């Protein structure tokens, strides 16, 4: 299995989720701060899925 680059939409969603997770950890925003770890985890999982499967 050779890793491939994720498509732009998946990469953008993962990036936004990761940034929101980091911001939620560093600041106090009601919903984002409560779920900062989940948002960061979702971002990493989406990037892992995007690089593991060709065409996603």
PDB file of N, CA and C in Angstrom:
ATOM      1  N   UNK A   1       0.850  -1.175   0.000  1.00  0.00           N
ATOM      2  CA  UNK A   1       0.000   0.000   0.000  1.00  0.00           C
ATOM      3  C   UNK A   1       0.899   1.243   0.000  1.00  0.00           C
ATOM      4  N   UNK A   2       0.753   2.062  -1.028  1.00  0.00           N
ATOM      5  CA  UNK A   2       1.513   3.293  -1.123  1.00  0.00           C
ATOM      6  C   UNK A   2       0.630   4.462  -0.710  1.00  0.00           C
ATOM      7  N   UNK A   3       1.106   5.315   0.193  1.00  0.00           N
ATOM      8  CA  UNK A   3       0.293   6.470   0.565  1.00  0.00           C
ATOM      9  C   UNK A   3       0.175   7.451  -0.586  1.00  0.00           C
ATOM     10  N   UNK A   4      -0.971   8.112  -0.644  1.00  0.00           N
ATOM     11  CA  UNK A   4      -1.203   9.121  -1.670  1.00  0.00           C
ATOM     12  C   UNK A   4      -1.687  10.402  -1.000  1.00  0.00           C
ATOM     13  N   UNK A   5      -1.618  11.485  -1.721  1.00  0.00           N
ATOM     14  CA  UNK A   5      -2.077  12.763  -1.173  1.00  0.00           C
ATOM     15  C   UNK A   5      -3.598  12.783  -1.106  1.00  0.00           C
ATOM     16  N   UNK A   6      -4.167  13.270   0.005  1.00  0.00           N
ATOM     17  CA  UNK A   6      -5.629  13.366   0.086  1.00  0.00           C
ATOM     18  C   UNK A   6      -6.135  14.458  -0.846  1.00  0.00           C
ATOM     19  N   UNK A   7      -7.418  14.360  -1.241  1.00  0.00           N
ATOM     20  CA  UNK A   7      -7.954  15.409  -2.109  1.00  0.00           C
ATOM     21  C   UNK A   7      -8.118  16.704  -1.317  1.00  0.00           C
ATOM     22  N   UNK A   8      -8.335  17.786  -2.014  1.00  0.00           N
ATOM     23  CA  UNK A   8      -8.325  19.114  -1.396  1.00  0.00           C
ATOM     24  C   UNK A   8      -9.450  19.313  -0.393  1.00  0.00           C
ATOM     25  N   UNK A   9     -10.618  18.768  -0.686  1.00  0.00           N
ATOM     26  CA  UNK A   9     -11.761  18.947   0.216  1.00  0.00           C
ATOM     27  C   UNK A   9     -11.520  18.227   1.540  1.00  0.00           C
ATOM     28  N   UNK A  10     -11.067  16.984   1.473  1.00  0.00           N
ATOM     29  CA  UNK A  10     -10.788  16.217   2.685  1.00  0.00           C
ATOM     30  C   UNK A  10      -9.672  16.868   3.480  1.00  0.00           C
ATOM     31  N   UNK A  11      -8.647  17.350   2.795  1.00  0.00           N
ATOM     32  CA  UNK A  11      -7.538  18.013   3.465  1.00  0.00           C
ATOM     33  C   UNK A  11      -8.006  19.282   4.170  1.00  0.00           C
ATOM     34  N   UNK A  12      -8.876  20.063   3.519  1.00  0.00           N
ATOM     35  CA  UNK A  12      -9.378  21.304   4.109  1.00  0.00           C
ATOM     36  C   UNK A  12     -10.238  21.020   5.335  1.00  0.00           C
ATOM     37  N   UNK A  13     -11.086  20.005   5.276  1.00  0.00           N
ATOM     38  CA  UNK A  13     -11.930  19.647   6.423  1.00  0.00           C
ATOM     39  C   UNK A  13     -11.066  19.190   7.591  1.00  0.00           C
ATOM     40  N   UNK A  14     -10.056  18.372   7.303  1.00  0.00           N
ATOM     41  CA  UNK A  14      -9.156  17.895   8.353  1.00  0.00           C
ATOM     42  C   UNK A  14      -8.378  19.056   8.959  1.00  0.00           C
ATOM     43  N   UNK A  15      -7.932  19.976   8.136  1.00  0.00           N
ATOM     44  CA  UNK A  15      -7.191  21.136   8.623  1.00  0.00           C
ATOM     45  C   UNK A  15      -8.058  22.012   9.517  1.00  0.00           C
ATOM     46  N   UNK A  16      -9.289  22.262   9.098  1.00  0.00           N
ATOM     47  CA  UNK A  16     -10.205  23.075   9.905  1.00  0.00           C
ATOM     48  C   UNK A  16     -10.505  22.397  11.237  1.00  0.00           C
ATOM     49  N   UNK A  17     -10.751  21.093  11.216  1.00  0.00           N
ATOM     50  CA  UNK A  17     -11.025  20.368  12.462  1.00  0.00           C
ATOM     51  C   UNK A  17      -9.815  20.412  13.384  1.00  0.00           C
ATOM     52  N   UNK A  18      -8.629  20.243  12.842  1.00  0.00           N
ATOM     53  CA  UNK A  18      -7.414  20.292  13.653  1.00  0.00           C
ATOM     54  C   UNK A  18      -7.180  21.666  14.251  1.00  0.00           C
ATOM     55  N   UNK A  19      -7.365  22.711  13.457  1.00  0.00           N
ATOM     56  CA  UNK A  19      -7.174  24.073  13.961  1.00  0.00           C
ATOM     57  C   UNK A  19      -8.202  24.396  15.039  1.00  0.00           C
ATOM     58  N   UNK A  20      -9.453  23.994  14.824  1.00  0.00           N
ATOM     59  CA  UNK A  20     -10.475  24.225  15.851  1.00  0.00           C
ATOM     60  C   UNK A  20     -10.156  23.472  17.137  1.00  0.00           C
ATOM     61  N   UNK A  21      -9.608  22.263  17.009  1.00  0.00           N
ATOM     62  CA  UNK A  21      -9.213  21.509  18.196  1.00  0.00           C
ATOM     63  C   UNK A  21      -8.104  22.189  18.972  1.00  0.00           C
ATOM     64  N   UNK A  22      -7.128  22.728  18.267  1.00  0.00           N
ATOM     65  CA  UNK A  22      -6.029  23.434  18.940  1.00  0.00           C
ATOM     66  C   UNK A  22      -6.523  24.728  19.572  1.00  0.00           C
ATOM     67  N   UNK A  23      -7.319  25.488  18.828  1.00  0.00           N
ATOM     68  CA  UNK A  23      -7.861  26.740  19.365  1.00  0.00           C
ATOM     69  C   UNK A  23      -8.753  26.470  20.574  1.00  0.00           C
ATOM     70  N   UNK A  24      -9.550  25.423  20.502  1.00  0.00           N
ATOM     71  CA  UNK A  24     -10.415  25.075  21.622  1.00  0.00           C
ATOM     72  C   UNK A  24      -9.646  24.662  22.857  1.00  0.00           C
ATOM     73  N   UNK A  25      -8.477  24.090  22.663  1.00  0.00           N
ATOM     74  CA  UNK A  25      -7.643  23.704  23.808  1.00  0.00           C
ATOM     75  C   UNK A  25      -6.983  24.924  24.445  1.00  0.00           C
ATOM     76  N   UNK A  26      -6.604  25.899  23.634  1.00  0.00           N
ATOM     77  CA  UNK A  26      -5.867  27.057  24.139  1.00  0.00           C
ATOM     78  C   UNK A  26      -6.762  28.180  24.640  1.00  0.00           C
ATOM     79  N   UNK A  27      -8.001  28.254  24.165  1.00  0.00           N
ATOM     80  CA  UNK A  27      -8.904  29.323  24.577  1.00  0.00           C
ATOM     81  C   UNK A  27     -10.179  28.731  25.170  1.00  0.00           C
ATOM     82  N   UNK A  28     -11.073  29.598  25.569  1.00  0.00           N
ATOM     83  CA  UNK A  28     -12.338  29.153  26.149  1.00  0.00           C
ATOM     84  C   UNK A  28     -13.488  29.528  25.219  1.00  0.00           C
ATOM     85  N   UNK A  29     -13.854  28.596  24.371  1.00  0.00           N
ATOM     86  CA  UNK A  29     -15.001  28.747  23.484  1.00  0.00           C
ATOM     87  C   UNK A  29     -15.950  27.605  23.830  1.00  0.00           C
ATOM     88  N   UNK A  30     -17.202  27.900  24.080  1.00  0.00           N
ATOM     89  CA  UNK A  30     -18.127  26.945  24.684  1.00  0.00           C
ATOM     90  C   UNK A  30     -18.091  25.559  24.062  1.00  0.00           C
ATOM     91  N   UNK A  31     -18.533  25.390  22.852  1.00  0.00           N
ATOM     92  CA  UNK A  31     -18.620  24.057  22.250  1.00  0.00           C
ATOM     93  C   UNK A  31     -17.257  23.529  21.838  1.00  0.00           C
ATOM     94  N   UNK A  32     -16.430  24.394  21.296  1.00  0.00           N
ATOM     95  CA  UNK A  32     -15.137  23.962  20.775  1.00  0.00           C
ATOM     96  C   UNK A  32     -14.214  23.502  21.910  1.00  0.00           C
ATOM     97  N   UNK A  33     -14.199  24.224  23.015  1.00  0.00           N
ATOM     98  CA  UNK A  33     -13.331  23.852  24.135  1.00  0.00           C
ATOM     99  C   UNK A  33     -13.745  22.518  24.757  1.00  0.00           C
ATOM    100  N   UNK A  34     -15.037  22.252  24.790  1.00  0.00           N
ATOM    101  CA  UNK A  34     -15.520  20.999  25.360  1.00  0.00           C
ATOM    102  C   UNK A  34     -15.145  19.800  24.497  1.00  0.00           C
ATOM    103  N   UNK A  35     -15.014  20.000  23.193  1.00  0.00           N
ATOM    104  CA  UNK A  35     -14.752  18.911  22.263  1.00  0.00           C
ATOM    105  C   UNK A  35     -13.430  19.074  21.515  1.00  0.00           C
ATOM    106  N   UNK A  36     -12.460  19.741  22.118  1.00  0.00           N
ATOM    107  CA  UNK A  36     -11.213  20.029  21.415  1.00  0.00           C
ATOM    108  C   UNK A  36     -10.450  18.748  21.068  1.00  0.00           C
ATOM    109  N   UNK A  37     -10.402  17.789  21.986  1.00  0.00           N
ATOM    110  CA  UNK A  37      -9.678  16.548  21.696  1.00  0.00           C
ATOM    111  C   UNK A  37     -10.342  15.783  20.560  1.00  0.00           C
ATOM    112  N   UNK A  38     -11.668  15.734  20.564  1.00  0.00           N
ATOM    113  CA  UNK A  38     -12.395  15.026  19.508  1.00  0.00           C
ATOM    114  C   UNK A  38     -12.146  15.685  18.152  1.00  0.00           C
ATOM    115  N   UNK A  39     -12.171  17.017  18.112  1.00  0.00           N
ATOM    116  CA  UNK A  39     -11.931  17.725  16.855  1.00  0.00           C
ATOM    117  C   UNK A  39     -10.530  17.454  16.326  1.00  0.00           C
ATOM    118  N   UNK A  40      -9.542  17.464  17.201  1.00  0.00           N
ATOM    119  CA  UNK A  40      -8.179  17.180  16.779  1.00  0.00           C
ATOM    120  C   UNK A  40      -8.038  15.743  16.311  1.00  0.00           C
ATOM    121  N   UNK A  41      -8.666  14.817  17.007  1.00  0.00           N
ATOM    122  CA  UNK A  41      -8.640  13.413  16.619  1.00  0.00           C
ATOM    123  C   UNK A  41      -9.313  13.208  15.262  1.00  0.00           C
ATOM    124  N   UNK A  42     -10.433  13.859  15.034  1.00  0.00           N
ATOM    125  CA  UNK A  42     -11.136  13.745  13.755  1.00  0.00           C
ATOM    126  C   UNK A  42     -10.254  14.256  12.617  1.00  0.00           C
ATOM    127  N   UNK A  43      -9.557  15.365  12.849  1.00  0.00           N
ATOM    128  CA  UNK A  43      -8.659  15.898  11.835  1.00  0.00           C
ATOM    129  C   UNK A  43      -7.562  14.921  11.456  1.00  0.00           C
ATOM    130  N   UNK A  44      -6.931  14.301  12.447  1.00  0.00           N
ATOM    131  CA  UNK A  44      -5.870  13.334  12.178  1.00  0.00           C
ATOM    132  C   UNK A  44      -6.403  12.076  11.509  1.00  0.00           C
ATOM    133  N   UNK A  45      -7.563  11.614  11.934  1.00  0.00           N
ATOM    134  CA  UNK A  45      -8.148  10.414  11.335  1.00  0.00           C
ATOM    135  C   UNK A  45      -8.516  10.675   9.872  1.00  0.00           C
ATOM    136  N   UNK A  46      -9.071  11.839   9.590  1.00  0.00           N
ATOM    137  CA  UNK A  46      -9.397  12.164   8.202  1.00  0.00           C
ATOM    138  C   UNK A  46      -8.150  12.216   7.331  1.00  0.00           C
ATOM    139  N   UNK A  47      -7.065  12.764   7.846  1.00  0.00           N
ATOM    140  CA  UNK A  47      -5.824  12.779   7.074  1.00  0.00           C
ATOM    141  C   UNK A  47      -5.281  11.371   6.874  1.00  0.00           C
ATOM    142  N   UNK A  48      -5.393  10.532   7.896  1.00  0.00           N
ATOM    143  CA  UNK A  48      -4.934   9.145   7.752  1.00  0.00           C
ATOM    144  C   UNK A  48      -5.769   8.391   6.715  1.00  0.00           C
ATOM    145  N   UNK A  49      -7.059   8.595   6.739  1.00  0.00           N
ATOM    146  CA  UNK A  49      -7.928   7.953   5.751  1.00  0.00           C
ATOM    147  C   UNK A  49      -7.619   8.476   4.352  1.00  0.00           C
ATOM    148  N   UNK A  50      -7.430   9.775   4.237  1.00  0.00           N
ATOM    149  CA  UNK A  50      -7.152  10.374   2.943  1.00  0.00           C
ATOM    150  C   UNK A  50      -5.852   9.902   2.318  1.00  0.00           C
ATOM    151  N   UNK A  51      -4.859   9.614   3.128  1.00  0.00           N
ATOM    152  CA  UNK A  51      -3.587   9.138   2.580  1.00  0.00           C
ATOM    153  C   UNK A  51      -3.561   7.634   2.401  1.00  0.00           C
ATOM    154  N   UNK A  52      -4.446   6.917   3.043  1.00  0.00           N
ATOM    155  CA  UNK A  52      -4.438   5.463   2.958  1.00  0.00           C
ATOM    156  C   UNK A  52      -5.185   4.937   1.740  1.00  0.00           C
ATOM    157  N   UNK A  53      -6.225   5.616   1.328  1.00  0.00           N
ATOM    158  CA  UNK A  53      -7.046   5.152   0.223  1.00  0.00           C
ATOM    159  C   UNK A  53      -6.883   6.064  -0.976  1.00  0.00           C
ATOM    160  N   UNK A  54      -6.679   5.473  -2.122  1.00  0.00           N
ATOM    161  CA  UNK A  54      -6.538   6.262  -3.340  1.00  0.00           C
ATOM    162  C   UNK A  54      -7.928   6.674  -3.825  1.00  0.00           C
ATOM    163  N   UNK A  55      -8.070   7.928  -4.160  1.00  0.00           N
ATOM    164  CA  UNK A  55      -9.335   8.415  -4.682  1.00  0.00           C
ATOM    165  C   UNK A  55     -10.293   8.936  -3.649  1.00  0.00           C
ATOM    166  N   UNK A  56      -9.888   9.054  -2.365  1.00  0.00           N
ATOM    167  CA  UNK A  56     -10.776   9.639  -1.352  1.00  0.00           C
ATOM    168  C   UNK A  56     -10.413  11.058  -1.092  1.00  0.00           C
TER     169      UNK A  56
END
